[in-house]
Amino acid sequence: MTGDGYNATLVKRIDMTVRLAILQVRPDDGIPAFTAGQYTVLALRKDAPRIADATPEEPSDIPPDRLIKRAYSITSGSNAVDFLEFYVALMNSGALTPRLFALREGDRLFVGPRAKGLFTLDLAPADKNILMVATGTGLAPYMSMLRSHVLNTQNQPIAVLHGANYSWDLGYRGELESLRKTCPNFGYVPVVSRPEEDADWRGRTGLLPSWINTPDLDDACGFPVAPDKTNVFLCGNPAMIESALNILTGLNFTEGTRKEPGTIHVEKYW
């Protein structure tokens, strides 16, 4: 780690929209071992530049060299060797993301030396279907799972139900559509919640939980979304998670606990 507290370099930045970016970060000491679905920390100093239109910060007594840290799920496959990838959404009033969005390729930052978290595919039996439900950047841990797992197996059915306000906010859409075409065991179900402002969208619309209890979802996933056959992963907006939990428990799915694995596995994203 250098004297400024940084231990990694931003090697590539992909702006998907003005508010969504993929950051590929190379730690100085190499890629730490991690399990798909886990997270680590990104950080920048308090005195790091912020984007011009960020909400002005209130005066504080935080030292300028203090690292502002936040947890982010890793989107890279667990066999990554060159960089760790993260899917980040800008919050203009946030402490960290206005600084992250000011970064350019070659800039320095801090990345946690270890990955943490229990939101992994180990939660689901290998003989069950898997439905991954996400809003926005809640898709991040699933991308790591898919990159690590789906291409290595052709027998466990897996589907992603991903919701966003607009079609341009459906991160990794091209990769997921390609995966759907090449992997017979994979289904991709994108949903847009504000189609009235997205004239070119011709796909599914509405709030994400409303699609959970529909026969159409079974067809789109390629398997029955039933508690005796399927495990459901939920990640993203807490309101979505609460609504989805209510629907799923009404369908006899059970939320996992430390003692009982259950058929619903939850990662609250904020």
Protein backbone atom coordinates (compact mmCIF):
# COMPACT_ATOMS: atom_id res chain seq x y z
CA MET A 1 0.00 0.00 0.00
CA THR A 2 1.33 3.44 -0.91
CA GLY A 3 1.60 6.41 1.41
CA ASP A 4 -1.74 7.78 0.23
CA GLY A 5 -3.50 4.65 1.49
CA TYR A 6 -4.21 3.28 -1.99
CA ASN A 7 -3.41 -0.25 -3.12
CA ALA A 8 -5.05 -0.64 -6.54
CA THR A 9 -5.40 0.96 -9.97
CA LEU A 10 -8.49 1.55 -12.10
CA VAL A 11 -7.47 -0.18 -15.32
CA LYS A 12 -10.74 0.22 -17.23
CA ARG A 13 -13.95 2.17 -16.85
CA ILE A 14 -17.07 1.45 -18.90
CA ASP A 15 -19.84 4.04 -18.65
CA MET A 16 -23.10 2.24 -19.34
CA THR A 17 -25.10 5.42 -18.70
CA VAL A 18 -24.25 8.71 -16.99
CA ARG A 19 -25.23 7.08 -13.69
CA LEU A 20 -24.06 3.49 -14.15
CA ALA A 21 -20.48 2.36 -14.63
CA ILE A 22 -18.39 -0.79 -14.66
CA LEU A 23 -15.07 -0.36 -12.88
CA GLN A 24 -12.26 -2.84 -13.44
CA VAL A 25 -9.70 -2.58 -10.66
CA ARG A 26 -6.27 -4.22 -10.42
CA PRO A 27 -4.99 -4.70 -6.84
CA ASP A 28 -1.25 -4.21 -6.42
CA ASP A 29 -0.89 -7.56 -4.66
CA GLY A 30 -2.94 -9.61 -7.12
CA ILE A 31 -6.52 -10.86 -7.11
CA PRO A 32 -7.64 -12.20 -3.72
CA ALA A 33 -9.41 -15.55 -3.64
CA PHE A 34 -13.17 -15.19 -3.50
CA THR A 35 -16.37 -17.14 -4.01
CA ALA A 36 -18.83 -15.89 -6.62
CA GLY A 37 -21.42 -13.72 -4.91
CA GLN A 38 -19.10 -12.24 -2.30
CA TYR A 39 -18.22 -8.58 -1.84
CA THR A 40 -15.28 -6.43 -0.89
CA VAL A 41 -14.63 -2.77 -0.14
CA LEU A 42 -13.82 0.13 -2.46
CA ALA A 43 -12.53 3.38 -0.98
CA LEU A 44 -11.18 6.82 -1.81
CA ARG A 45 -9.76 9.54 0.42
CA LYS A 46 -11.96 12.35 1.70
CA ASP A 47 -9.87 14.80 -0.33
CA ALA A 48 -10.37 12.87 -3.60
CA PRO A 49 -12.05 14.90 -6.40
CA ARG A 50 -15.83 14.65 -6.84
CA ILE A 51 -17.85 15.02 -10.02
CA ALA A 52 -18.93 18.58 -10.80
CA ASP A 53 -22.69 18.05 -10.33
CA ALA A 54 -22.42 16.18 -7.02
CA THR A 55 -24.55 17.49 -4.18
CA PRO A 56 -22.42 19.85 -2.06
CA GLU A 57 -21.11 18.20 1.08
CA GLU A 58 -21.82 19.51 4.52
CA PRO A 59 -18.73 20.74 6.40
CA SER A 60 -17.21 18.00 8.54
CA ASP A 61 -14.19 17.31 10.69
CA ILE A 62 -13.28 14.14 8.76
CA PRO A 63 -9.52 14.29 8.03
CA PRO A 64 -8.71 14.74 4.31
CA ASP A 65 -6.67 11.52 4.25
CA ARG A 66 -9.45 9.40 5.78
CA LEU A 67 -10.63 6.63 3.46
CA ILE A 68 -14.35 6.63 2.67
CA LYS A 69 -15.24 2.93 2.33
CA ARG A 70 -18.28 1.15 0.93
CA ALA A 71 -18.97 -2.53 0.21
CA TYR A 72 -19.53 -3.63 -3.39
CA SER A 73 -20.30 -7.07 -4.77
CA ILE A 74 -17.69 -8.42 -7.17
CA THR A 75 -19.00 -9.05 -10.69
CA SER A 76 -15.89 -10.86 -11.96
CA GLY A 77 -15.89 -14.62 -12.28
CA SER A 78 -14.09 -16.35 -9.41
CA ASN A 79 -11.32 -17.38 -11.81
CA ALA A 80 -10.44 -13.72 -12.57
CA VAL A 81 -6.69 -13.12 -12.82
CA ASP A 82 -6.27 -9.59 -14.22
CA PHE A 83 -8.75 -7.42 -12.32
CA LEU A 84 -11.76 -7.26 -10.03
CA GLU A 85 -14.89 -5.84 -11.64
CA PHE A 86 -17.62 -3.80 -9.94
CA TYR A 87 -21.00 -2.46 -11.11
CA VAL A 88 -21.56 0.97 -9.55
CA ALA A 89 -24.51 3.37 -9.51
CA LEU A 90 -23.98 7.09 -8.93
CA MET A 91 -25.69 8.76 -6.00
CA ASN A 92 -25.07 12.50 -6.27
CA SER A 93 -25.51 12.96 -2.52
CA GLY A 94 -23.43 9.92 -1.60
CA ALA A 95 -20.10 10.07 0.17
CA LEU A 96 -18.20 7.73 -2.15
CA THR A 97 -19.82 7.39 -5.58
CA PRO A 98 -19.33 11.06 -6.63
CA ARG A 99 -15.64 10.39 -6.02
CA LEU A 100 -15.65 7.02 -7.79
CA PHE A 101 -17.31 8.59 -10.83
CA ALA A 102 -14.56 11.21 -10.97
CA LEU A 103 -11.95 8.49 -11.47
CA ARG A 104 -10.27 7.96 -14.82
CA GLU A 105 -8.33 4.97 -16.07
CA GLY A 106 -4.95 4.87 -14.39
CA ASP A 107 -6.17 6.55 -11.21
CA ARG A 108 -5.51 4.98 -7.83
CA LEU A 109 -7.96 3.78 -5.16
CA PHE A 110 -8.27 1.32 -2.31
CA VAL A 111 -9.77 -2.16 -2.64
CA GLY A 112 -10.30 -4.48 0.29
CA PRO A 113 -7.68 -7.26 0.50
CA ARG A 114 -10.31 -9.89 1.34
CA ALA A 115 -13.75 -10.84 0.05
CA LYS A 116 -16.61 -11.54 2.43
CA GLY A 117 -20.23 -12.64 2.37
CA LEU A 118 -22.44 -15.72 2.46
CA PHE A 119 -24.68 -14.88 -0.51
CA THR A 120 -23.31 -17.63 -2.74
CA LEU A 121 -24.62 -20.53 -4.80
CA ASP A 122 -23.63 -22.88 -2.00
CA LEU A 123 -26.95 -21.89 -0.41
CA ALA A 124 -28.89 -23.78 -3.10
CA PRO A 125 -28.84 -27.55 -3.69
CA ALA A 126 -27.27 -28.53 -7.00
CA ASP A 127 -30.41 -30.45 -8.01
CA LYS A 128 -32.69 -27.39 -7.77
CA ASN A 129 -33.54 -24.73 -10.32
CA ILE A 130 -32.21 -21.27 -9.46
CA LEU A 131 -34.08 -18.00 -10.00
CA MET A 132 -31.99 -14.87 -9.43
CA VAL A 133 -34.13 -11.76 -8.86
CA ALA A 134 -32.50 -8.31 -8.86
CA THR A 135 -33.20 -4.62 -9.23
CA GLY A 136 -30.55 -2.26 -10.59
CA THR A 137 -27.01 -2.98 -9.46
CA GLY A 138 -28.34 -5.81 -7.31
CA LEU A 139 -27.46 -7.80 -10.42
CA ALA A 140 -23.76 -7.61 -9.48
CA PRO A 141 -23.35 -10.81 -7.41
CA TYR A 142 -25.31 -12.78 -9.99
CA MET A 143 -22.91 -11.75 -12.74
CA SER A 144 -20.08 -13.30 -10.74
CA MET A 145 -22.14 -16.43 -10.15
CA LEU A 146 -23.04 -16.74 -13.82
CA ARG A 147 -19.52 -16.12 -15.06
CA SER A 148 -18.18 -18.67 -12.58
CA HIS A 149 -20.90 -21.28 -12.84
CA VAL A 150 -23.20 -21.25 -15.86
CA LEU A 151 -20.51 -21.69 -18.48
CA ASN A 152 -19.16 -24.67 -16.53
CA THR A 153 -22.38 -26.63 -16.34
CA GLN A 154 -25.14 -27.42 -18.78
CA ASN A 155 -27.55 -29.17 -16.44
CA GLN A 156 -28.62 -26.88 -13.57
CA PRO A 157 -31.37 -24.56 -14.83
CA ILE A 158 -30.72 -20.92 -13.88
CA ALA A 159 -32.63 -17.75 -14.75
CA VAL A 160 -32.23 -14.04 -14.02
CA LEU A 161 -35.24 -11.77 -13.47
CA HIS A 162 -33.83 -8.24 -13.63
CA GLY A 163 -35.77 -5.00 -13.20
CA ALA A 164 -34.81 -1.41 -13.96
CA ASN A 165 -36.61 1.88 -14.56
CA TYR A 166 -35.59 2.00 -18.23
CA SER A 167 -34.13 -0.40 -20.77
CA TRP A 168 -30.84 1.51 -20.84
CA ASP A 169 -30.47 0.79 -17.12
CA LEU A 170 -30.54 -2.98 -17.69
CA GLY A 171 -26.87 -3.53 -16.99
CA TYR A 172 -25.02 -6.37 -18.72
CA ARG A 173 -28.05 -6.89 -20.97
CA GLY A 174 -25.98 -7.77 -24.02
CA GLU A 175 -23.94 -10.35 -22.12
CA LEU A 176 -27.05 -11.89 -20.56
CA GLU A 177 -28.89 -12.08 -23.88
CA SER A 178 -25.86 -13.74 -25.45
CA LEU A 179 -25.73 -16.21 -22.56
CA ARG A 180 -29.40 -17.01 -23.06
CA LYS A 181 -28.73 -17.84 -26.72
CA THR A 182 -25.69 -20.02 -26.08
CA CYS A 183 -26.58 -21.80 -22.81
CA PRO A 184 -29.69 -24.01 -22.94
CA ASN A 185 -29.91 -24.08 -19.15
CA PHE A 186 -30.08 -20.26 -18.80
CA GLY A 187 -33.04 -17.88 -18.95
CA TYR A 188 -33.02 -14.08 -18.91
CA VAL A 189 -36.14 -12.04 -18.07
CA PRO A 190 -35.63 -8.24 -18.19
CA VAL A 191 -38.44 -5.97 -16.93
CA VAL A 192 -38.83 -2.18 -17.28
CA SER A 193 -40.93 -0.29 -14.73
CA ARG A 194 -41.33 3.04 -16.59
CA PRO A 195 -42.21 2.09 -20.18
CA GLU A 196 -44.10 5.35 -20.74
CA GLU A 197 -40.70 7.08 -20.79
CA ASP A 198 -39.00 4.37 -22.85
CA ALA A 199 -40.76 4.36 -26.22
CA ASP A 200 -38.47 1.76 -27.85
CA TRP A 201 -38.95 -0.91 -25.18
CA ARG A 202 -41.09 -3.84 -26.36
CA GLY A 203 -40.43 -6.26 -23.52
CA ARG A 204 -42.01 -6.95 -20.16
CA THR A 205 -43.12 -4.03 -18.01
CA GLY A 206 -44.18 -3.38 -14.44
CA LEU A 207 -42.79 -3.78 -10.96
CA LEU A 208 -40.52 -6.77 -10.57
CA PRO A 209 -42.40 -8.68 -7.84
CA SER A 210 -45.55 -8.76 -9.95
CA TRP A 211 -43.80 -11.13 -12.35
CA ILE A 212 -42.99 -13.73 -9.72
CA ASN A 213 -46.46 -15.26 -9.50
CA THR A 214 -47.27 -15.58 -13.19
CA PRO A 215 -47.32 -18.60 -15.52
CA ASP A 216 -45.41 -16.48 -18.04
CA LEU A 217 -42.40 -16.49 -15.73
CA ASP A 218 -42.17 -20.29 -15.86
CA ASP A 219 -42.09 -20.13 -19.64
CA ALA A 220 -39.49 -17.35 -19.68
CA CYS A 221 -37.24 -19.11 -17.18
CA GLY A 222 -37.58 -22.50 -18.81
CA PHE A 223 -38.53 -24.22 -15.57
CA PRO A 224 -41.34 -24.17 -12.98
CA VAL A 225 -40.84 -21.57 -10.26
CA ALA A 226 -42.15 -23.82 -7.49
CA PRO A 227 -40.84 -24.33 -3.92
CA ASP A 228 -40.19 -28.04 -4.37
CA LYS A 229 -38.14 -27.44 -7.52
CA THR A 230 -36.61 -23.96 -7.28
CA ASN A 231 -34.48 -21.81 -4.98
CA VAL A 232 -34.89 -18.03 -5.30
CA PHE A 233 -32.16 -15.45 -4.69
CA LEU A 234 -33.21 -11.83 -4.01
CA CYS A 235 -30.86 -8.84 -4.23
CA GLY A 236 -31.48 -5.12 -4.59
CA ASN A 237 -33.99 -2.55 -3.45
CA PRO A 238 -35.34 -3.40 0.04
CA ALA A 239 -38.89 -2.54 -1.06
CA MET A 240 -38.62 -5.09 -3.89
CA ILE A 241 -37.22 -7.68 -1.51
CA GLU A 242 -40.02 -7.16 1.03
CA SER A 243 -42.71 -7.40 -1.65
CA ALA A 244 -41.10 -10.45 -3.27
CA LEU A 245 -40.77 -12.18 0.11
CA ASN A 246 -44.47 -11.66 0.77
CA ILE A 247 -45.39 -13.15 -2.59
CA LEU A 248 -42.96 -16.05 -2.36
CA THR A 249 -43.89 -17.05 1.20
CA GLY A 250 -47.52 -17.00 0.07
CA LEU A 251 -46.47 -19.57 -2.53
CA ASN A 252 -44.90 -21.76 0.22
CA PHE A 253 -41.30 -20.72 -0.35
CA THR A 254 -39.38 -20.29 2.91
CA GLU A 255 -36.69 -17.73 3.76
CA GLY A 256 -33.39 -19.31 4.73
CA THR A 257 -31.90 -18.92 8.20
CA ARG A 258 -28.62 -19.99 9.79
CA LYS A 259 -30.26 -23.21 10.98
CA GLU A 260 -32.57 -23.89 8.03
CA PRO A 261 -31.39 -23.25 4.45
CA GLY A 262 -34.87 -22.49 3.10
CA THR A 263 -35.74 -21.84 -0.54
CA ILE A 264 -35.31 -18.02 -0.50
CA HIS A 265 -31.90 -16.39 -0.07
CA VAL A 266 -31.66 -12.63 0.49
CA GLU A 267 -28.96 -9.96 0.10
CA LYS A 268 -30.18 -6.47 1.04
CA TYR A 269 -28.19 -4.03 -1.06
CA TRP A 270 -28.52 -0.96 1.12
